[in-house]
Amino acid sequence: RKTAIEAEVTKLLDAQFIREVHYTTWLANVVMVRKSNGKWRMCTDYTNLNKACPKDAYPLPNIDQLVDGASGHKFLSFLDAYSGYNQIRMHPQDEEKTAFITETANYCYRVMPFVY
C-alpha cells in the first residue's frame, strides 16, 4: 500500500495536479481500495469537508434533461476520460481545503480531485 501511495503521489506531483502543503486547516485521510485487477487505487476521504460545505441550492439537471438539451447539435464535447476532473483548475483559496496526509508529507490538489 505504501508503495502504491508513493507512486500515485509522484505521478500527481509530476503532472502538477498536487503540491506539498505545510500548514492547513483541513486534512483528509488517504484510503487505499483494491481494484478488481488486484492493484490499488488511492482515494481521499473528504467526509468532514463535505459535511462542512453548504448544500447546493442549484442541483444538477437529470440525465433526461441533459440529453434533450444536447439533441439537434452537431458537436458533443466531453472531458478526457483519463483525467477529466484533473483538467478543472481550483481557485487558489480553495486548494488547501483538499489537503490530504501521507506518511511522507501533506499535499493538496491544484485541480479538482477525482472522487469515486
PDB file of N, CA and C in Angstrom:
ATOM      1  N   ARG A   1       0.822  -1.196   0.000  1.00  0.00           N
ATOM      2  CA  ARG A   1       0.000   0.000   0.000  1.00  0.00           C
ATOM      3  C   ARG A   1       0.867   1.260   0.000  1.00  0.00           C
ATOM      4  N   LYS A   2       1.903   1.250   0.817  1.00  0.00           N
ATOM      5  CA  LYS A   2       2.783   2.415   0.904  1.00  0.00           C
ATOM      6  C   LYS A   2       3.421   2.712  -0.449  1.00  0.00           C
ATOM      7  N   THR A   3       3.861   1.672  -1.134  1.00  0.00           N
ATOM      8  CA  THR A   3       4.467   1.839  -2.451  1.00  0.00           C
ATOM      9  C   THR A   3       3.464   2.407  -3.444  1.00  0.00           C
ATOM     10  N   ALA A   4       2.218   1.936  -3.383  1.00  0.00           N
ATOM     11  CA  ALA A   4       1.174   2.424  -4.287  1.00  0.00           C
ATOM     12  C   ALA A   4       0.869   3.897  -4.023  1.00  0.00           C
ATOM     13  N   ILE A   5       0.846   4.286  -2.753  1.00  0.00           N
ATOM     14  CA  ILE A   5       0.606   5.695  -2.407  1.00  0.00           C
ATOM     15  C   ILE A   5       1.744   6.562  -2.931  1.00  0.00           C
ATOM     16  N   GLU A   6       2.982   6.130  -2.691  1.00  0.00           N
ATOM     17  CA  GLU A   6       4.138   6.897  -3.150  1.00  0.00           C
ATOM     18  C   GLU A   6       4.136   7.044  -4.668  1.00  0.00           C
ATOM     19  N   ALA A   7       3.789   5.971  -5.377  1.00  0.00           N
ATOM     20  CA  ALA A   7       3.751   6.022  -6.839  1.00  0.00           C
ATOM     21  C   ALA A   7       2.675   6.989  -7.330  1.00  0.00           C
ATOM     22  N   GLU A   8       1.499   6.941  -6.718  1.00  0.00           N
ATOM     23  CA  GLU A   8       0.407   7.832  -7.129  1.00  0.00           C
ATOM     24  C   GLU A   8       0.744   9.288  -6.820  1.00  0.00           C
ATOM     25  N   VAL A   9       1.321   9.543  -5.649  1.00  0.00           N
ATOM     26  CA  VAL A   9       1.705  10.910  -5.285  1.00  0.00           C
ATOM     27  C   VAL A   9       2.766  11.433  -6.253  1.00  0.00           C
ATOM     28  N   THR A  10       3.742  10.617  -6.594  1.00  0.00           N
ATOM     29  CA  THR A  10       4.776  11.016  -7.552  1.00  0.00           C
ATOM     30  C   THR A  10       4.160  11.354  -8.899  1.00  0.00           C
ATOM     31  N   LYS A  11       3.227  10.519  -9.347  1.00  0.00           N
ATOM     32  CA  LYS A  11       2.550  10.761 -10.628  1.00  0.00           C
ATOM     33  C   LYS A  11       1.781  12.084 -10.592  1.00  0.00           C
ATOM     34  N   LEU A  12       1.068  12.344  -9.497  1.00  0.00           N
ATOM     35  CA  LEU A  12       0.288  13.578  -9.373  1.00  0.00           C
ATOM     36  C   LEU A  12       1.190  14.808  -9.256  1.00  0.00           C
ATOM     37  N   LEU A  13       2.320  14.665  -8.550  1.00  0.00           N
ATOM     38  CA  LEU A  13       3.279  15.772  -8.451  1.00  0.00           C
ATOM     39  C   LEU A  13       3.897  16.084  -9.808  1.00  0.00           C
ATOM     40  N   ASP A  14       4.301  15.045 -10.540  1.00  0.00           N
ATOM     41  CA  ASP A  14       4.910  15.236 -11.858  1.00  0.00           C
ATOM     42  C   ASP A  14       3.950  15.926 -12.826  1.00  0.00           C
ATOM     43  N   ALA A  15       2.658  15.615 -12.708  1.00  0.00           N
ATOM     44  CA  ALA A  15       1.648  16.228 -13.571  1.00  0.00           C
ATOM     45  C   ALA A  15       1.231  17.607 -13.063  1.00  0.00           C
ATOM     46  N   GLN A  16       1.760  18.012 -11.922  1.00  0.00           N
ATOM     47  CA  GLN A  16       1.436  19.279 -11.259  1.00  0.00           C
ATOM     48  C   GLN A  16      -0.043  19.365 -10.881  1.00  0.00           C
ATOM     49  N   PHE A  17      -0.643  18.217 -10.553  1.00  0.00           N
ATOM     50  CA  PHE A  17      -2.031  18.171 -10.095  1.00  0.00           C
ATOM     51  C   PHE A  17      -2.114  18.424  -8.591  1.00  0.00           C
ATOM     52  N   ILE A  18      -1.014  18.170  -7.870  1.00  0.00           N
ATOM     53  CA  ILE A  18      -0.974  18.415  -6.429  1.00  0.00           C
ATOM     54  C   ILE A  18       0.297  19.180  -6.101  1.00  0.00           C
ATOM     55  N   ARG A  19       0.328  19.724  -4.893  1.00  0.00           N
ATOM     56  CA  ARG A  19       1.532  20.388  -4.387  1.00  0.00           C
ATOM     57  C   ARG A  19       1.639  20.080  -2.901  1.00  0.00           C
ATOM     58  N   GLU A  20       2.843  20.186  -2.380  1.00  0.00           N
ATOM     59  CA  GLU A  20       3.031  19.962  -0.946  1.00  0.00           C
ATOM     60  C   GLU A  20       2.501  21.164  -0.171  1.00  0.00           C
ATOM     61  N   VAL A  21       1.911  20.894   0.980  1.00  0.00           N
ATOM     62  CA  VAL A  21       1.367  21.949   1.830  1.00  0.00           C
ATOM     63  C   VAL A  21       1.880  21.719   3.253  1.00  0.00           C
ATOM     64  N   HIS A  22       2.202  22.795   3.951  1.00  0.00           N
ATOM     65  CA  HIS A  22       2.794  22.661   5.284  1.00  0.00           C
ATOM     66  C   HIS A  22       1.819  22.971   6.408  1.00  0.00           C
ATOM     67  N   TYR A  23       1.034  24.010   6.271  1.00  0.00           N
ATOM     68  CA  TYR A  23       0.080  24.387   7.319  1.00  0.00           C
ATOM     69  C   TYR A  23      -1.298  24.492   6.684  1.00  0.00           C
ATOM     70  N   THR A  24      -2.239  23.738   7.201  1.00  0.00           N
ATOM     71  CA  THR A  24      -3.566  23.730   6.606  1.00  0.00           C
ATOM     72  C   THR A  24      -4.635  23.563   7.673  1.00  0.00           C
ATOM     73  N   THR A  25      -5.801  24.082   7.396  1.00  0.00           N
ATOM     74  CA  THR A  25      -6.934  23.945   8.307  1.00  0.00           C
ATOM     75  C   THR A  25      -7.593  22.587   8.132  1.00  0.00           C
ATOM     76  N   TRP A  26      -7.675  22.126   6.890  1.00  0.00           N
ATOM     77  CA  TRP A  26      -8.314  20.849   6.566  1.00  0.00           C
ATOM     78  C   TRP A  26      -7.253  19.802   6.296  1.00  0.00           C
ATOM     79  N   LEU A  27      -7.529  18.574   6.697  1.00  0.00           N
ATOM     80  CA  LEU A  27      -6.617  17.474   6.411  1.00  0.00           C
ATOM     81  C   LEU A  27      -7.424  16.192   6.325  1.00  0.00           C
ATOM     82  N   ALA A  28      -7.396  15.548   5.173  1.00  0.00           N
ATOM     83  CA  ALA A  28      -8.163  14.326   4.947  1.00  0.00           C
ATOM     84  C   ALA A  28      -7.226  13.122   4.905  1.00  0.00           C
ATOM     85  N   ASN A  29      -7.780  11.968   5.192  1.00  0.00           N
ATOM     86  CA  ASN A  29      -7.011  10.721   5.149  1.00  0.00           C
ATOM     87  C   ASN A  29      -7.063  10.102   3.761  1.00  0.00           C
ATOM     88  N   VAL A  30      -5.994   9.408   3.423  1.00  0.00           N
ATOM     89  CA  VAL A  30      -5.949   8.629   2.189  1.00  0.00           C
ATOM     90  C   VAL A  30      -6.472   7.236   2.503  1.00  0.00           C
ATOM     91  N   VAL A  31      -7.326   6.728   1.643  1.00  0.00           N
ATOM     92  CA  VAL A  31      -7.881   5.384   1.795  1.00  0.00           C
ATOM     93  C   VAL A  31      -7.491   4.587   0.556  1.00  0.00           C
ATOM     94  N   MET A  32      -6.863   3.441   0.774  1.00  0.00           N
ATOM     95  CA  MET A  32      -6.470   2.592  -0.350  1.00  0.00           C
ATOM     96  C   MET A  32      -7.544   1.540  -0.590  1.00  0.00           C
ATOM     97  N   VAL A  33      -7.985   1.442  -1.837  1.00  0.00           N
ATOM     98  CA  VAL A  33      -9.033   0.496  -2.220  1.00  0.00           C
ATOM     99  C   VAL A  33      -8.456  -0.433  -3.276  1.00  0.00           C
ATOM    100  N   ARG A  34      -8.644  -1.737  -3.078  1.00  0.00           N
ATOM    101  CA  ARG A  34      -8.127  -2.700  -4.054  1.00  0.00           C
ATOM    102  C   ARG A  34      -9.071  -2.772  -5.251  1.00  0.00           C
ATOM    103  N   LYS A  35      -8.492  -2.630  -6.448  1.00  0.00           N
ATOM    104  CA  LYS A  35      -9.273  -2.711  -7.680  1.00  0.00           C
ATOM    105  C   LYS A  35      -9.456  -4.177  -8.059  1.00  0.00           C
ATOM    106  N   SER A  36     -10.343  -4.431  -9.009  1.00  0.00           N
ATOM    107  CA  SER A  36     -10.638  -5.810  -9.409  1.00  0.00           C
ATOM    108  C   SER A  36      -9.423  -6.513 -10.012  1.00  0.00           C
ATOM    109  N   ASN A  37      -8.472  -5.742 -10.561  1.00  0.00           N
ATOM    110  CA  ASN A  37      -7.273  -6.353 -11.144  1.00  0.00           C
ATOM    111  C   ASN A  37      -6.171  -6.588 -10.108  1.00  0.00           C
ATOM    112  N   GLY A  38      -6.468  -6.290  -8.829  1.00  0.00           N
ATOM    113  CA  GLY A  38      -5.506  -6.525  -7.759  1.00  0.00           C
ATOM    114  C   GLY A  38      -4.634  -5.332  -7.416  1.00  0.00           C
ATOM    115  N   LYS A  39      -4.625  -4.311  -8.266  1.00  0.00           N
ATOM    116  CA  LYS A  39      -3.844  -3.108  -7.985  1.00  0.00           C
ATOM    117  C   LYS A  39      -4.600  -2.231  -6.992  1.00  0.00           C
ATOM    118  N   TRP A  40      -3.916  -1.200  -6.495  1.00  0.00           N
ATOM    119  CA  TRP A  40      -4.507  -0.301  -5.506  1.00  0.00           C
ATOM    120  C   TRP A  40      -4.937   1.009  -6.143  1.00  0.00           C
ATOM    121  N   ARG A  41      -6.015   1.555  -5.641  1.00  0.00           N
ATOM    122  CA  ARG A  41      -6.492   2.874  -6.044  1.00  0.00           C
ATOM    123  C   ARG A  41      -6.426   3.773  -4.810  1.00  0.00           C
ATOM    124  N   MET A  42      -5.807   4.941  -4.966  1.00  0.00           N
ATOM    125  CA  MET A  42      -5.722   5.890  -3.854  1.00  0.00           C
ATOM    126  C   MET A  42      -6.943   6.809  -3.888  1.00  0.00           C
ATOM    127  N   CYS A  43      -7.692   6.806  -2.804  1.00  0.00           N
ATOM    128  CA  CYS A  43      -8.860   7.678  -2.659  1.00  0.00           C
ATOM    129  C   CYS A  43      -8.637   8.574  -1.447  1.00  0.00           C
ATOM    130  N   THR A  44      -9.269   9.717  -1.449  1.00  0.00           N
ATOM    131  CA  THR A  44      -9.169  10.640  -0.325  1.00  0.00           C
ATOM    132  C   THR A  44     -10.537  10.778   0.316  1.00  0.00           C
ATOM    133  N   ASP A  45     -10.597  10.644   1.625  1.00  0.00           N
ATOM    134  CA  ASP A  45     -11.867  10.691   2.356  1.00  0.00           C
ATOM    135  C   ASP A  45     -12.185  12.136   2.750  1.00  0.00           C
ATOM    136  N   TYR A  46     -13.057  12.766   1.975  1.00  0.00           N
ATOM    137  CA  TYR A  46     -13.452  14.152   2.228  1.00  0.00           C
ATOM    138  C   TYR A  46     -14.781  14.244   2.972  1.00  0.00           C
ATOM    139  N   THR A  47     -15.104  13.244   3.791  1.00  0.00           N
ATOM    140  CA  THR A  47     -16.370  13.228   4.523  1.00  0.00           C
ATOM    141  C   THR A  47     -16.543  14.483   5.372  1.00  0.00           C
ATOM    142  N   ASN A  48     -15.541  14.840   6.152  1.00  0.00           N
ATOM    143  CA  ASN A  48     -15.659  16.011   7.031  1.00  0.00           C
ATOM    144  C   ASN A  48     -15.768  17.314   6.247  1.00  0.00           C
ATOM    145  N   LEU A  49     -15.033  17.426   5.155  1.00  0.00           N
ATOM    146  CA  LEU A  49     -15.124  18.620   4.315  1.00  0.00           C
ATOM    147  C   LEU A  49     -16.519  18.731   3.708  1.00  0.00           C
ATOM    148  N   ASN A  50     -17.056  17.612   3.238  1.00  0.00           N
ATOM    149  CA  ASN A  50     -18.400  17.624   2.653  1.00  0.00           C
ATOM    150  C   ASN A  50     -19.447  18.039   3.677  1.00  0.00           C
ATOM    151  N   LYS A  51     -19.293  17.596   4.916  1.00  0.00           N
ATOM    152  CA  LYS A  51     -20.247  17.976   5.968  1.00  0.00           C
ATOM    153  C   LYS A  51     -20.187  19.475   6.252  1.00  0.00           C
ATOM    154  N   ALA A  52     -19.009  20.068   6.128  1.00  0.00           N
ATOM    155  CA  ALA A  52     -18.840  21.490   6.437  1.00  0.00           C
ATOM    156  C   ALA A  52     -19.279  22.410   5.301  1.00  0.00           C
ATOM    157  N   CYS A  53     -19.403  21.870   4.095  1.00  0.00           N
ATOM    158  CA  CYS A  53     -19.775  22.696   2.944  1.00  0.00           C
ATOM    159  C   CYS A  53     -21.282  22.904   2.886  1.00  0.00           C
ATOM    160  N   PRO A  54     -21.711  24.091   2.489  1.00  0.00           N
ATOM    161  CA  PRO A  54     -23.157  24.322   2.352  1.00  0.00           C
ATOM    162  C   PRO A  54     -23.725  23.480   1.215  1.00  0.00           C
ATOM    163  N   LYS A  55     -24.969  23.105   1.359  1.00  0.00           N
ATOM    164  CA  LYS A  55     -25.630  22.311   0.324  1.00  0.00           C
ATOM    165  C   LYS A  55     -25.872  23.181  -0.906  1.00  0.00           C
ATOM    166  N   ASP A  56     -25.808  22.572  -2.071  1.00  0.00           N
ATOM    167  CA  ASP A  56     -26.003  23.272  -3.332  1.00  0.00           C
ATOM    168  C   ASP A  56     -27.481  23.604  -3.518  1.00  0.00           C
ATOM    169  N   ALA A  57     -27.785  24.871  -3.664  1.00  0.00           N
ATOM    170  CA  ALA A  57     -29.177  25.286  -3.868  1.00  0.00           C
ATOM    171  C   ALA A  57     -29.609  25.090  -5.314  1.00  0.00           C
ATOM    172  N   TYR A  58     -28.656  24.758  -6.186  1.00  0.00           N
ATOM    173  CA  TYR A  58     -28.953  24.570  -7.601  1.00  0.00           C
ATOM    174  C   TYR A  58     -28.520  23.169  -8.020  1.00  0.00           C
ATOM    175  N   PRO A  59     -29.360  22.165  -7.800  1.00  0.00           N
ATOM    176  CA  PRO A  59     -28.972  20.794  -8.156  1.00  0.00           C
ATOM    177  C   PRO A  59     -28.795  20.639  -9.662  1.00  0.00           C
ATOM    178  N   LEU A  60     -27.956  19.697 -10.036  1.00  0.00           N
ATOM    179  CA  LEU A  60     -27.719  19.425 -11.453  1.00  0.00           C
ATOM    180  C   LEU A  60     -28.971  18.837 -12.093  1.00  0.00           C
ATOM    181  N   PRO A  61     -29.186  19.105 -13.375  1.00  0.00           N
ATOM    182  CA  PRO A  61     -30.341  18.510 -14.051  1.00  0.00           C
ATOM    183  C   PRO A  61     -30.156  17.001 -14.196  1.00  0.00           C
ATOM    184  N   ASN A  62     -31.260  16.286 -14.336  1.00  0.00           N
ATOM    185  CA  ASN A  62     -31.142  14.838 -14.502  1.00  0.00           C
ATOM    186  C   ASN A  62     -30.696  14.511 -15.926  1.00  0.00           C
ATOM    187  N   ILE A  63     -30.356  13.266 -16.168  1.00  0.00           N
ATOM    188  CA  ILE A  63     -29.787  12.854 -17.456  1.00  0.00           C
ATOM    189  C   ILE A  63     -30.746  13.101 -18.615  1.00  0.00           C
ATOM    190  N   ASP A  64     -32.052  12.939 -18.399  1.00  0.00           N
ATOM    191  CA  ASP A  64     -33.022  13.177 -19.478  1.00  0.00           C
ATOM    192  C   ASP A  64     -32.975  14.627 -19.948  1.00  0.00           C
ATOM    193  N   GLN A  65     -32.872  15.557 -19.017  1.00  0.00           N
ATOM    194  CA  GLN A  65     -32.788  16.969 -19.383  1.00  0.00           C
ATOM    195  C   GLN A  65     -31.496  17.262 -20.143  1.00  0.00           C
ATOM    196  N   LEU A  66     -30.406  16.636 -19.741  1.00  0.00           N
ATOM    197  CA  LEU A  66     -29.129  16.847 -20.419  1.00  0.00           C
ATOM    198  C   LEU A  66     -29.158  16.312 -21.846  1.00  0.00           C
ATOM    199  N   VAL A  67     -29.716  15.118 -22.025  1.00  0.00           N
ATOM    200  CA  VAL A  67     -29.789  14.515 -23.364  1.00  0.00           C
ATOM    201  C   VAL A  67     -30.700  15.344 -24.259  1.00  0.00           C
ATOM    202  N   ASP A  68     -31.856  15.741 -23.744  1.00  0.00           N
ATOM    203  CA  ASP A  68     -32.778  16.564 -24.534  1.00  0.00           C
ATOM    204  C   ASP A  68     -32.128  17.886 -24.933  1.00  0.00           C
ATOM    205  N   GLY A  69     -31.370  18.468 -24.039  1.00  0.00           N
ATOM    206  CA  GLY A  69     -30.707  19.735 -24.328  1.00  0.00           C
ATOM    207  C   GLY A  69     -29.603  19.606 -25.365  1.00  0.00           C
ATOM    208  N   ALA A  70     -29.017  18.422 -25.498  1.00  0.00           N
ATOM    209  CA  ALA A  70     -27.925  18.207 -26.455  1.00  0.00           C
ATOM    210  C   ALA A  70     -28.433  17.776 -27.825  1.00  0.00           C
ATOM    211  N   SER A  71     -29.678  17.355 -27.915  1.00  0.00           N
ATOM    212  CA  SER A  71     -30.196  16.860 -29.198  1.00  0.00           C
ATOM    213  C   SER A  71     -30.262  17.998 -30.213  1.00  0.00           C
ATOM    214  N   GLY A  72     -29.985  17.660 -31.462  1.00  0.00           N
ATOM    215  CA  GLY A  72     -30.031  18.641 -32.531  1.00  0.00           C
ATOM    216  C   GLY A  72     -28.725  19.390 -32.741  1.00  0.00           C
ATOM    217  N   HIS A  73     -27.747  19.163 -31.892  1.00  0.00           N
ATOM    218  CA  HIS A  73     -26.456  19.834 -32.044  1.00  0.00           C
ATOM    219  C   HIS A  73     -25.491  18.926 -32.803  1.00  0.00           C
ATOM    220  N   LYS A  74     -24.587  19.524 -33.570  1.00  0.00           N
ATOM    221  CA  LYS A  74     -23.649  18.749 -34.375  1.00  0.00           C
ATOM    222  C   LYS A  74     -22.490  18.195 -33.560  1.00  0.00           C
ATOM    223  N   PHE A  75     -22.067  18.901 -32.536  1.00  0.00           N
ATOM    224  CA  PHE A  75     -20.887  18.508 -31.784  1.00  0.00           C
ATOM    225  C   PHE A  75     -21.234  18.245 -30.326  1.00  0.00           C
ATOM    226  N   LEU A  76     -20.611  17.237 -29.789  1.00  0.00           N
ATOM    227  CA  LEU A  76     -20.743  16.938 -28.371  1.00  0.00           C
ATOM    228  C   LEU A  76     -19.328  16.809 -27.820  1.00  0.00           C
ATOM    229  N   SER A  77     -18.996  17.590 -26.839  1.00  0.00           N
ATOM    230  CA  SER A  77     -17.655  17.591 -26.269  1.00  0.00           C
ATOM    231  C   SER A  77     -17.697  17.039 -24.857  1.00  0.00           C
ATOM    232  N   PHE A  78     -16.646  16.351 -24.451  1.00  0.00           N
ATOM    233  CA  PHE A  78     -16.546  15.856 -23.086  1.00  0.00           C
ATOM    234  C   PHE A  78     -15.089  15.896 -22.660  1.00  0.00           C
ATOM    235  N   LEU A  79     -14.880  15.918 -21.351  1.00  0.00           N
ATOM    236  CA  LEU A  79     -13.520  15.952 -20.829  1.00  0.00           C
ATOM    237  C   LEU A  79     -12.834  14.614 -21.036  1.00  0.00           C
ATOM    238  N   ASP A  80     -11.547  14.645 -21.122  1.00  0.00           N
ATOM    239  CA  ASP A  80     -10.736  13.442 -21.256  1.00  0.00           C
ATOM    240  C   ASP A  80     -11.075  12.452 -20.151  1.00  0.00           C
ATOM    241  N   ALA A  81     -11.380  11.219 -20.509  1.00  0.00           N
ATOM    242  CA  ALA A  81     -11.795  10.220 -19.523  1.00  0.00           C
ATOM    243  C   ALA A  81     -10.652   9.830 -18.583  1.00  0.00           C
ATOM    244  N   TYR A  82      -9.417   9.967 -19.037  1.00  0.00           N
ATOM    245  CA  TYR A  82      -8.283   9.579 -18.191  1.00  0.00           C
ATOM    246  C   TYR A  82      -8.153  10.499 -16.982  1.00  0.00           C
ATOM    247  N   SER A  83      -8.231  11.779 -17.214  1.00  0.00           N
ATOM    248  CA  SER A  83      -8.048  12.721 -16.109  1.00  0.00           C
ATOM    249  C   SER A  83      -9.010  13.890 -16.254  1.00  0.00           C
ATOM    250  N   GLY A  84     -10.261  13.558 -16.447  1.00  0.00           N
ATOM    251  CA  GLY A  84     -11.278  14.573 -16.707  1.00  0.00           C
ATOM    252  C   GLY A  84     -11.355  15.655 -15.659  1.00  0.00           C
ATOM    253  N   TYR A  85     -11.523  15.265 -14.400  1.00  0.00           N
ATOM    254  CA  TYR A  85     -11.615  16.268 -13.344  1.00  0.00           C
ATOM    255  C   TYR A  85     -10.307  17.029 -13.209  1.00  0.00           C
ATOM    256  N   ASN A  86      -9.214  16.363 -13.491  1.00  0.00           N
ATOM    257  CA  ASN A  86      -7.913  16.992 -13.323  1.00  0.00           C
ATOM    258  C   ASN A  86      -7.662  18.108 -14.326  1.00  0.00           C
ATOM    259  N   GLN A  87      -8.591  18.355 -15.238  1.00  0.00           N
ATOM    260  CA  GLN A  87      -8.456  19.460 -16.177  1.00  0.00           C
ATOM    261  C   GLN A  87      -9.118  20.726 -15.645  1.00  0.00           C
ATOM    262  N   ILE A  88      -9.815  20.619 -14.530  1.00  0.00           N
ATOM    263  CA  ILE A  88     -10.519  21.762 -13.959  1.00  0.00           C
ATOM    264  C   ILE A  88      -9.665  22.341 -12.833  1.00  0.00           C
ATOM    265  N   ARG A  89      -9.133  23.545 -13.052  1.00  0.00           N
ATOM    266  CA  ARG A  89      -8.283  24.196 -12.050  1.00  0.00           C
ATOM    267  C   ARG A  89      -9.124  24.631 -10.854  1.00  0.00           C
ATOM    268  N   MET A  90      -8.536  24.544  -9.680  1.00  0.00           N
ATOM    269  CA  MET A  90      -9.207  25.007  -8.471  1.00  0.00           C
ATOM    270  C   MET A  90      -8.814  26.452  -8.194  1.00  0.00           C
ATOM    271  N   HIS A  91      -9.691  27.189  -7.539  1.00  0.00           N
ATOM    272  CA  HIS A  91      -9.348  28.541  -7.114  1.00  0.00           C
ATOM    273  C   HIS A  91      -8.249  28.408  -6.055  1.00  0.00           C
ATOM    274  N   PRO A  92      -7.200  29.214  -6.133  1.00  0.00           N
ATOM    275  CA  PRO A  92      -6.092  29.085  -5.172  1.00  0.00           C
ATOM    276  C   PRO A  92      -6.526  29.113  -3.706  1.00  0.00           C
ATOM    277  N   GLN A  93      -7.558  29.881  -3.376  1.00  0.00           N
ATOM    278  CA  GLN A  93      -8.022  29.939  -1.989  1.00  0.00           C
ATOM    279  C   GLN A  93      -8.648  28.626  -1.534  1.00  0.00           C
ATOM    280  N   ASP A  94      -9.091  27.798  -2.476  1.00  0.00           N
ATOM    281  CA  ASP A  94      -9.756  26.543  -2.123  1.00  0.00           C
ATOM    282  C   ASP A  94      -8.835  25.330  -2.169  1.00  0.00           C
ATOM    283  N   GLU A  95      -7.641  25.489  -2.710  1.00  0.00           N
ATOM    284  CA  GLU A  95      -6.737  24.350  -2.865  1.00  0.00           C
ATOM    285  C   GLU A  95      -6.460  23.637  -1.546  1.00  0.00           C
ATOM    286  N   GLU A  96      -6.172  24.386  -0.495  1.00  0.00           N
ATOM    287  CA  GLU A  96      -5.776  23.761   0.771  1.00  0.00           C
ATOM    288  C   GLU A  96      -6.929  23.055   1.471  1.00  0.00           C
ATOM    289  N   LYS A  97      -8.153  23.295   1.029  1.00  0.00           N
ATOM    290  CA  LYS A  97      -9.294  22.555   1.580  1.00  0.00           C
ATOM    291  C   LYS A  97      -9.248  21.091   1.152  1.00  0.00           C
ATOM    292  N   THR A  98      -8.491  20.797   0.093  1.00  0.00           N
ATOM    293  CA  THR A  98      -8.379  19.423  -0.399  1.00  0.00           C
ATOM    294  C   THR A  98      -7.136  18.723   0.142  1.00  0.00           C
ATOM    295  N   ALA A  99      -6.530  19.268   1.173  1.00  0.00           N
ATOM    296  CA  ALA A  99      -5.291  18.704   1.721  1.00  0.00           C
ATOM    297  C   ALA A  99      -5.504  17.283   2.232  1.00  0.00           C
ATOM    298  N   PHE A 100      -4.506  16.440   1.988  1.00  0.00           N
ATOM    299  CA  PHE A 100      -4.534  15.062   2.478  1.00  0.00           C
ATOM    300  C   PHE A 100      -3.157  14.700   3.009  1.00  0.00           C
ATOM    301  N   ILE A 101      -3.145  13.690   3.866  1.00  0.00           N
ATOM    302  CA  ILE A 101      -1.920  13.313   4.561  1.00  0.00           C
ATOM    303  C   ILE A 101      -1.427  11.958   4.061  1.00  0.00           C
ATOM    304  N   THR A 102      -0.098  11.858   3.889  1.00  0.00           N
ATOM    305  CA  THR A 102       0.551  10.577   3.608  1.00  0.00           C
ATOM    306  C   THR A 102       1.644  10.397   4.661  1.00  0.00           C
ATOM    307  N   GLU A 103       2.340   9.286   4.598  1.00  0.00           N
ATOM    308  CA  GLU A 103       3.410   9.048   5.573  1.00  0.00           C
ATOM    309  C   GLU A 103       4.580  10.010   5.400  1.00  0.00           C
ATOM    310  N   THR A 104       4.755  10.531   4.196  1.00  0.00           N
ATOM    311  CA  THR A 104       5.920  11.367   3.925  1.00  0.00           C
ATOM    312  C   THR A 104       5.648  12.860   4.013  1.00  0.00           C
ATOM    313  N   ALA A 105       4.426  13.300   3.675  1.00  0.00           N
ATOM    314  CA  ALA A 105       4.129  14.740   3.661  1.00  0.00           C
ATOM    315  C   ALA A 105       2.626  14.965   3.530  1.00  0.00           C
ATOM    316  N   ASN A 106       2.246  16.237   3.587  1.00  0.00           N
ATOM    317  CA  ASN A 106       0.865  16.644   3.335  1.00  0.00           C
ATOM    318  C   ASN A 106       0.814  17.315   1.967  1.00  0.00           C
ATOM    319  N   TYR A 107      -0.237  17.055   1.226  1.00  0.00           N
ATOM    320  CA  TYR A 107      -0.393  17.599  -0.115  1.00  0.00           C
ATOM    321  C   TYR A 107      -1.793  18.166  -0.269  1.00  0.00           C
ATOM    322  N   CYS A 108      -1.959  19.028  -1.273  1.00  0.00           N
ATOM    323  CA  CYS A 108      -3.300  19.474  -1.633  1.00  0.00           C
ATOM    324  C   CYS A 108      -3.389  19.504  -3.154  1.00  0.00           C
ATOM    325  N   TYR A 109      -4.606  19.393  -3.638  1.00  0.00           N
ATOM    326  CA  TYR A 109      -4.840  19.395  -5.078  1.00  0.00           C
ATOM    327  C   TYR A 109      -4.822  20.816  -5.620  1.00  0.00           C
ATOM    328  N   ARG A 110      -4.274  20.980  -6.812  1.00  0.00           N
ATOM    329  CA  ARG A 110      -4.302  22.245  -7.543  1.00  0.00           C
ATOM    330  C   ARG A 110      -5.423  22.214  -8.572  1.00  0.00           C
ATOM    331  N   VAL A 111      -5.943  21.012  -8.801  1.00  0.00           N
ATOM    332  CA  VAL A 111      -7.040  20.786  -9.746  1.00  0.00           C
ATOM    333  C   VAL A 111      -8.128  20.009  -9.022  1.00  0.00           C
ATOM    334  N   MET A 112      -9.303  19.919  -9.620  1.00  0.00           N
ATOM    335  CA  MET A 112     -10.389  19.176  -8.989  1.00  0.00           C
ATOM    336  C   MET A 112      -9.987  17.717  -8.838  1.00  0.00           C
ATOM    337  N   PRO A 113     -10.008  17.189  -7.625  1.00  0.00           N
ATOM    338  CA  PRO A 113      -9.674  15.772  -7.443  1.00  0.00           C
ATOM    339  C   PRO A 113     -10.812  14.897  -7.938  1.00  0.00           C
ATOM    340  N   PHE A 114     -10.463  13.741  -8.477  1.00  0.00           N
ATOM    341  CA  PHE A 114     -11.486  12.791  -8.903  1.00  0.00           C
ATOM    342  C   PHE A 114     -11.969  12.047  -7.682  1.00  0.00           C
ATOM    343  N   VAL A 115     -13.273  12.013  -7.497  1.00  0.00           N
ATOM    344  CA  VAL A 115     -13.868  11.371  -6.324  1.00  0.00           C
ATOM    345  C   VAL A 115     -14.671  10.176  -6.788  1.00  0.00           C
ATOM    346  N   TYR A 116     -14.408   9.000  -6.180  1.00  0.00           N
ATOM    347  CA  TYR A 116     -15.117   7.778  -6.551  1.00  0.00           C
ATOM    348  C   TYR A 116     -16.345   7.620  -5.698  1.00  0.00           C
TER     349      TYR A 116
END
